[in-house]
Amino acid sequence: MLNANREQLRHSAQTKKDAASALMNTKQAHPAPAVYLAHVALECALKRRILIKN
Protein backbone atom coordinates (compact mmCIF):
# COMPACT_ATOMS: atom_id res chain seq x y z
CA MET A 1 0.00 0.00 0.00
CA LEU A 2 1.55 3.25 -1.07
CA ASN A 3 0.46 6.41 0.69
CA ALA A 4 -2.08 4.59 2.82
CA ASN A 5 -3.97 6.71 5.29
CA ARG A 6 -4.96 5.76 8.82
CA GLU A 7 -8.48 4.67 7.86
CA GLN A 8 -7.20 2.41 5.08
CA LEU A 9 -4.71 0.80 7.46
CA ARG A 10 -7.39 0.37 10.13
CA HIS A 11 -9.72 -1.28 7.62
CA SER A 12 -6.99 -3.53 6.25
CA ALA A 13 -5.90 -4.61 9.74
CA GLN A 14 -9.49 -5.36 10.74
CA THR A 15 -10.33 -7.39 7.64
CA LYS A 16 -7.12 -9.42 7.89
CA LYS A 17 -7.75 -10.08 11.59
CA ASP A 18 -11.30 -11.20 10.85
CA ALA A 19 -10.10 -13.51 8.06
CA ALA A 20 -7.44 -15.01 10.34
CA SER A 21 -10.04 -15.58 13.06
CA ALA A 22 -12.38 -17.24 10.58
CA LEU A 23 -9.62 -19.56 9.42
CA MET A 24 -8.68 -20.47 12.98
CA ASN A 25 -12.31 -21.27 13.79
CA THR A 26 -12.39 -23.88 11.03
CA LYS A 27 -9.80 -25.97 12.95
CA GLN A 28 -7.66 -26.56 9.88
CA ALA A 29 -4.70 -28.91 10.19
CA HIS A 30 -2.38 -26.21 8.82
CA PRO A 31 -2.77 -22.83 10.57
CA ALA A 32 -0.12 -21.14 8.36
CA PRO A 33 -2.62 -19.06 6.32
CA ALA A 34 -4.24 -17.75 9.51
CA VAL A 35 -0.86 -16.98 11.05
CA TYR A 36 0.19 -15.11 7.91
CA LEU A 37 -3.02 -13.04 7.90
CA ALA A 38 -2.57 -12.25 11.59
CA HIS A 39 0.98 -11.09 10.85
CA VAL A 40 -0.23 -8.80 8.05
CA ALA A 41 -2.97 -7.43 10.32
CA LEU A 42 -0.42 -6.63 13.00
CA GLU A 43 1.84 -4.94 10.47
CA CYS A 44 -1.02 -2.72 9.27
CA ALA A 45 -2.00 -1.87 12.84
CA LEU A 46 1.57 -0.92 13.71
CA LYS A 47 1.90 1.27 10.60
CA ARG A 48 -1.35 3.00 11.55
CA ARG A 49 -0.03 3.59 15.06
CA ILE A 50 3.14 5.16 13.65
CA LEU A 51 1.05 7.47 11.48
CA ILE A 52 -1.02 8.52 14.49
CA LYS A 53 2.07 9.20 16.62
CA ASN A 54 3.78 11.20 13.87
PDB file of N, CA and C in Angstrom:
ATOM      1  N   MET A   1       0.840  -1.175   0.000  1.00  0.00           N
ATOM      2  CA  MET A   1       0.000   0.000   0.000  1.00  0.00           C
ATOM      3  C   MET A   1       0.885   1.239   0.000  1.00  0.00           C
ATOM      4  N   LEU A   2       0.810   2.003  -1.026  1.00  0.00           N
ATOM      5  CA  LEU A   2       1.549   3.250  -1.069  1.00  0.00           C
ATOM      6  C   LEU A   2       0.652   4.384  -0.623  1.00  0.00           C
ATOM      7  N   ASN A   3       1.200   5.245   0.207  1.00  0.00           N
ATOM      8  CA  ASN A   3       0.464   6.409   0.694  1.00  0.00           C
ATOM      9  C   ASN A   3      -0.868   6.040   1.347  1.00  0.00           C
ATOM     10  N   ALA A   4      -0.863   5.003   2.131  1.00  0.00           N
ATOM     11  CA  ALA A   4      -2.083   4.595   2.824  1.00  0.00           C
ATOM     12  C   ALA A   4      -2.362   5.555   3.969  1.00  0.00           C
ATOM     13  N   ASN A   5      -3.635   5.851   4.152  1.00  0.00           N
ATOM     14  CA  ASN A   5      -3.973   6.707   5.288  1.00  0.00           C
ATOM     15  C   ASN A   5      -4.404   5.839   6.471  1.00  0.00           C
ATOM     16  N   ARG A   6      -4.641   6.494   7.586  1.00  0.00           N
ATOM     17  CA  ARG A   6      -4.960   5.755   8.821  1.00  0.00           C
ATOM     18  C   ARG A   6      -6.207   4.906   8.679  1.00  0.00           C
ATOM     19  N   GLU A   7      -7.229   5.421   8.011  1.00  0.00           N
ATOM     20  CA  GLU A   7      -8.477   4.669   7.861  1.00  0.00           C
ATOM     21  C   GLU A   7      -8.266   3.430   6.985  1.00  0.00           C
ATOM     22  N   GLN A   8      -7.492   3.566   5.927  1.00  0.00           N
ATOM     23  CA  GLN A   8      -7.202   2.409   5.079  1.00  0.00           C
ATOM     24  C   GLN A   8      -6.437   1.339   5.851  1.00  0.00           C
ATOM     25  N   LEU A   9      -5.468   1.762   6.657  1.00  0.00           N
ATOM     26  CA  LEU A   9      -4.713   0.800   7.456  1.00  0.00           C
ATOM     27  C   LEU A   9      -5.583   0.154   8.525  1.00  0.00           C
ATOM     28  N   ARG A  10      -6.479   0.934   9.141  1.00  0.00           N
ATOM     29  CA  ARG A  10      -7.390   0.367  10.131  1.00  0.00           C
ATOM     30  C   ARG A  10      -8.284  -0.687   9.487  1.00  0.00           C
ATOM     31  N   HIS A  11      -8.834  -0.354   8.321  1.00  0.00           N
ATOM     32  CA  HIS A  11      -9.720  -1.276   7.621  1.00  0.00           C
ATOM     33  C   HIS A  11      -8.968  -2.548   7.205  1.00  0.00           C
ATOM     34  N   SER A  12      -7.774  -2.375   6.682  1.00  0.00           N
ATOM     35  CA  SER A  12      -6.987  -3.525   6.252  1.00  0.00           C
ATOM     36  C   SER A  12      -6.643  -4.424   7.441  1.00  0.00           C
ATOM     37  N   ALA A  13      -6.226  -3.826   8.548  1.00  0.00           N
ATOM     38  CA  ALA A  13      -5.905  -4.614   9.738  1.00  0.00           C
ATOM     39  C   ALA A  13      -7.127  -5.378  10.223  1.00  0.00           C
ATOM     40  N   GLN A  14      -8.268  -4.721  10.242  1.00  0.00           N
ATOM     41  CA  GLN A  14      -9.493  -5.364  10.737  1.00  0.00           C
ATOM     42  C   GLN A  14      -9.927  -6.520   9.844  1.00  0.00           C
ATOM     43  N   THR A  15      -9.897  -6.320   8.531  1.00  0.00           N
ATOM     44  CA  THR A  15     -10.331  -7.386   7.636  1.00  0.00           C
ATOM     45  C   THR A  15      -9.378  -8.581   7.681  1.00  0.00           C
ATOM     46  N   LYS A  16      -8.080  -8.315   7.794  1.00  0.00           N
ATOM     47  CA  LYS A  16      -7.116  -9.420   7.886  1.00  0.00           C
ATOM     48  C   LYS A  16      -7.281 -10.169   9.206  1.00  0.00           C
ATOM     49  N   LYS A  17      -7.533  -9.442  10.284  1.00  0.00           N
ATOM     50  CA  LYS A  17      -7.749 -10.082  11.587  1.00  0.00           C
ATOM     51  C   LYS A  17      -9.001 -10.950  11.554  1.00  0.00           C
ATOM     52  N   ASP A  18     -10.058 -10.428  10.951  1.00  0.00           N
ATOM     53  CA  ASP A  18     -11.298 -11.196  10.847  1.00  0.00           C
ATOM     54  C   ASP A  18     -11.106 -12.461  10.010  1.00  0.00           C
ATOM     55  N   ALA A  19     -10.359 -12.339   8.914  1.00  0.00           N
ATOM     56  CA  ALA A  19     -10.100 -13.506   8.060  1.00  0.00           C
ATOM     57  C   ALA A  19      -9.269 -14.536   8.807  1.00  0.00           C
ATOM     58  N   ALA A  20      -8.263 -14.076   9.562  1.00  0.00           N
ATOM     59  CA  ALA A  20      -7.441 -15.006  10.344  1.00  0.00           C
ATOM     60  C   ALA A  20      -8.284 -15.717  11.395  1.00  0.00           C
ATOM     61  N   SER A  21      -9.160 -14.976  12.055  1.00  0.00           N
ATOM     62  CA  SER A  21     -10.042 -15.579  13.063  1.00  0.00           C
ATOM     63  C   SER A  21     -10.956 -16.618  12.438  1.00  0.00           C
ATOM     64  N   ALA A  22     -11.497 -16.291  11.271  1.00  0.00           N
ATOM     65  CA  ALA A  22     -12.384 -17.238  10.585  1.00  0.00           C
ATOM     66  C   ALA A  22     -11.639 -18.515  10.225  1.00  0.00           C
ATOM     67  N   LEU A  23     -10.404 -18.370   9.755  1.00  0.00           N
ATOM     68  CA  LEU A  23      -9.615 -19.562   9.424  1.00  0.00           C
ATOM     69  C   LEU A  23      -9.311 -20.388  10.667  1.00  0.00           C
ATOM     70  N   MET A  24      -8.990 -19.741  11.762  1.00  0.00           N
ATOM     71  CA  MET A  24      -8.678 -20.472  12.983  1.00  0.00           C
ATOM     72  C   MET A  24      -9.910 -21.192  13.527  1.00  0.00           C
ATOM     73  N   ASN A  25     -11.077 -20.634  13.306  1.00  0.00           N
ATOM     74  CA  ASN A  25     -12.313 -21.266  13.790  1.00  0.00           C
ATOM     75  C   ASN A  25     -12.685 -22.512  12.999  1.00  0.00           C
ATOM     76  N   THR A  26     -12.084 -22.697  11.821  1.00  0.00           N
ATOM     77  CA  THR A  26     -12.389 -23.884  11.025  1.00  0.00           C
ATOM     78  C   THR A  26     -11.571 -25.093  11.468  1.00  0.00           C
ATOM     79  N   LYS A  27     -10.635 -24.884  12.397  1.00  0.00           N
ATOM     80  CA  LYS A  27      -9.801 -25.967  12.954  1.00  0.00           C
ATOM     81  C   LYS A  27      -9.045 -26.708  11.853  1.00  0.00           C
ATOM     82  N   GLN A  28      -8.443 -25.956  10.945  1.00  0.00           N
ATOM     83  CA  GLN A  28      -7.662 -26.563   9.879  1.00  0.00           C
ATOM     84  C   GLN A  28      -6.399 -27.213  10.451  1.00  0.00           C
ATOM     85  N   ALA A  29      -5.914 -28.221   9.751  1.00  0.00           N
ATOM     86  CA  ALA A  29      -4.704 -28.909  10.186  1.00  0.00           C
ATOM     87  C   ALA A  29      -3.476 -28.011  10.034  1.00  0.00           C
ATOM     88  N   HIS A  30      -3.521 -27.091   9.089  1.00  0.00           N
ATOM     89  CA  HIS A  30      -2.385 -26.209   8.823  1.00  0.00           C
ATOM     90  C   HIS A  30      -2.793 -24.764   9.097  1.00  0.00           C
ATOM     91  N   PRO A  31      -2.368 -24.198  10.219  1.00  0.00           N
ATOM     92  CA  PRO A  31      -2.773 -22.832  10.565  1.00  0.00           C
ATOM     93  C   PRO A  31      -1.938 -21.748   9.874  1.00  0.00           C
ATOM     94  N   ALA A  32      -1.020 -22.112   8.980  1.00  0.00           N
ATOM     95  CA  ALA A  32      -0.123 -21.135   8.364  1.00  0.00           C
ATOM     96  C   ALA A  32      -0.862 -19.972   7.688  1.00  0.00           C
ATOM     97  N   PRO A  33      -1.931 -20.200   6.932  1.00  0.00           N
ATOM     98  CA  PRO A  33      -2.618 -19.056   6.323  1.00  0.00           C
ATOM     99  C   PRO A  33      -3.172 -18.080   7.370  1.00  0.00           C
ATOM    100  N   ALA A  34      -3.703 -18.614   8.451  1.00  0.00           N
ATOM    101  CA  ALA A  34      -4.238 -17.747   9.508  1.00  0.00           C
ATOM    102  C   ALA A  34      -3.115 -16.983  10.198  1.00  0.00           C
ATOM    103  N   VAL A  35      -2.004 -17.634  10.412  1.00  0.00           N
ATOM    104  CA  VAL A  35      -0.862 -16.976  11.046  1.00  0.00           C
ATOM    105  C   VAL A  35      -0.342 -15.864  10.146  1.00  0.00           C
ATOM    106  N   TYR A  36      -0.265 -16.132   8.853  1.00  0.00           N
ATOM    107  CA  TYR A  36       0.188 -15.107   7.907  1.00  0.00           C
ATOM    108  C   TYR A  36      -0.752 -13.904   7.930  1.00  0.00           C
ATOM    109  N   LEU A  37      -2.053 -14.143   7.883  1.00  0.00           N
ATOM    110  CA  LEU A  37      -3.020 -13.040   7.900  1.00  0.00           C
ATOM    111  C   LEU A  37      -2.934 -12.257   9.208  1.00  0.00           C
ATOM    112  N   ALA A  38      -2.725 -12.938  10.311  1.00  0.00           N
ATOM    113  CA  ALA A  38      -2.575 -12.245  11.593  1.00  0.00           C
ATOM    114  C   ALA A  38      -1.325 -11.374  11.579  1.00  0.00           C
ATOM    115  N   HIS A  39      -0.260 -11.866  10.969  1.00  0.00           N
ATOM    116  CA  HIS A  39       0.978 -11.087  10.848  1.00  0.00           C
ATOM    117  C   HIS A  39       0.738  -9.830  10.023  1.00  0.00           C
ATOM    118  N   VAL A  40       0.055  -9.954   8.905  1.00  0.00           N
ATOM    119  CA  VAL A  40      -0.229  -8.796   8.048  1.00  0.00           C
ATOM    120  C   VAL A  40      -1.123  -7.802   8.789  1.00  0.00           C
ATOM    121  N   ALA A  41      -2.092  -8.304   9.536  1.00  0.00           N
ATOM    122  CA  ALA A  41      -2.971  -7.425  10.319  1.00  0.00           C
ATOM    123  C   ALA A  41      -2.168  -6.633  11.337  1.00  0.00           C
ATOM    124  N   LEU A  42      -1.259  -7.305  12.018  1.00  0.00           N
ATOM    125  CA  LEU A  42      -0.421  -6.632  13.003  1.00  0.00           C
ATOM    126  C   LEU A  42       0.455  -5.574  12.341  1.00  0.00           C
ATOM    127  N   GLU A  43       1.006  -5.898  11.196  1.00  0.00           N
ATOM    128  CA  GLU A  43       1.840  -4.938  10.469  1.00  0.00           C
ATOM    129  C   GLU A  43       1.038  -3.688  10.103  1.00  0.00           C
ATOM    130  N   CYS A  44      -0.178  -3.871   9.611  1.00  0.00           N
ATOM    131  CA  CYS A  44      -1.025  -2.724   9.274  1.00  0.00           C
ATOM    132  C   CYS A  44      -1.357  -1.897  10.513  1.00  0.00           C
ATOM    133  N   ALA A  45      -1.667  -2.569  11.599  1.00  0.00           N
ATOM    134  CA  ALA A  45      -2.002  -1.866  12.836  1.00  0.00           C
ATOM    135  C   ALA A  45      -0.808  -1.068  13.353  1.00  0.00           C
ATOM    136  N   LEU A  46       0.380  -1.636  13.259  1.00  0.00           N
ATOM    137  CA  LEU A  46       1.568  -0.918  13.706  1.00  0.00           C
ATOM    138  C   LEU A  46       1.869   0.295  12.811  1.00  0.00           C
ATOM    139  N   LYS A  47       1.695   0.135  11.518  1.00  0.00           N
ATOM    140  CA  LYS A  47       1.903   1.266  10.604  1.00  0.00           C
ATOM    141  C   LYS A  47       0.901   2.383  10.905  1.00  0.00           C
ATOM    142  N   ARG A  48      -0.339   2.002  11.191  1.00  0.00           N
ATOM    143  CA  ARG A  48      -1.351   2.997  11.551  1.00  0.00           C
ATOM    144  C   ARG A  48      -0.949   3.737  12.819  1.00  0.00           C
ATOM    145  N   ARG A  49      -0.450   2.983  13.788  1.00  0.00           N
ATOM    146  CA  ARG A  49      -0.032   3.591  15.059  1.00  0.00           C
ATOM    147  C   ARG A  49       1.115   4.589  14.841  1.00  0.00           C
ATOM    148  N   ILE A  50       2.040   4.242  13.965  1.00  0.00           N
ATOM    149  CA  ILE A  50       3.140   5.157  13.647  1.00  0.00           C
ATOM    150  C   ILE A  50       2.600   6.429  13.002  1.00  0.00           C
ATOM    151  N   LEU A  51       1.635   6.292  12.102  1.00  0.00           N
ATOM    152  CA  LEU A  51       1.045   7.475  11.478  1.00  0.00           C
ATOM    153  C   LEU A  51       0.351   8.358  12.507  1.00  0.00           C
ATOM    154  N   ILE A  52      -0.324   7.742  13.459  1.00  0.00           N
ATOM    155  CA  ILE A  52      -1.022   8.516  14.494  1.00  0.00           C
ATOM    156  C   ILE A  52      -0.008   9.259  15.369  1.00  0.00           C
ATOM    157  N   LYS A  53       1.058   8.577  15.739  1.00  0.00           N
ATOM    158  CA  LYS A  53       2.066   9.199  16.617  1.00  0.00           C
ATOM    159  C   LYS A  53       2.848  10.310  15.919  1.00  0.00           C
ATOM    160  N   ASN A  54       3.020  10.189  14.613  1.00  0.00           N
ATOM    161  CA  ASN A  54       3.777  11.198  13.869  1.00  0.00           C
ATOM    162  C   ASN A  54       2.821  12.134  13.203  1.00  0.00           C
TER     163      ASN A  54
END
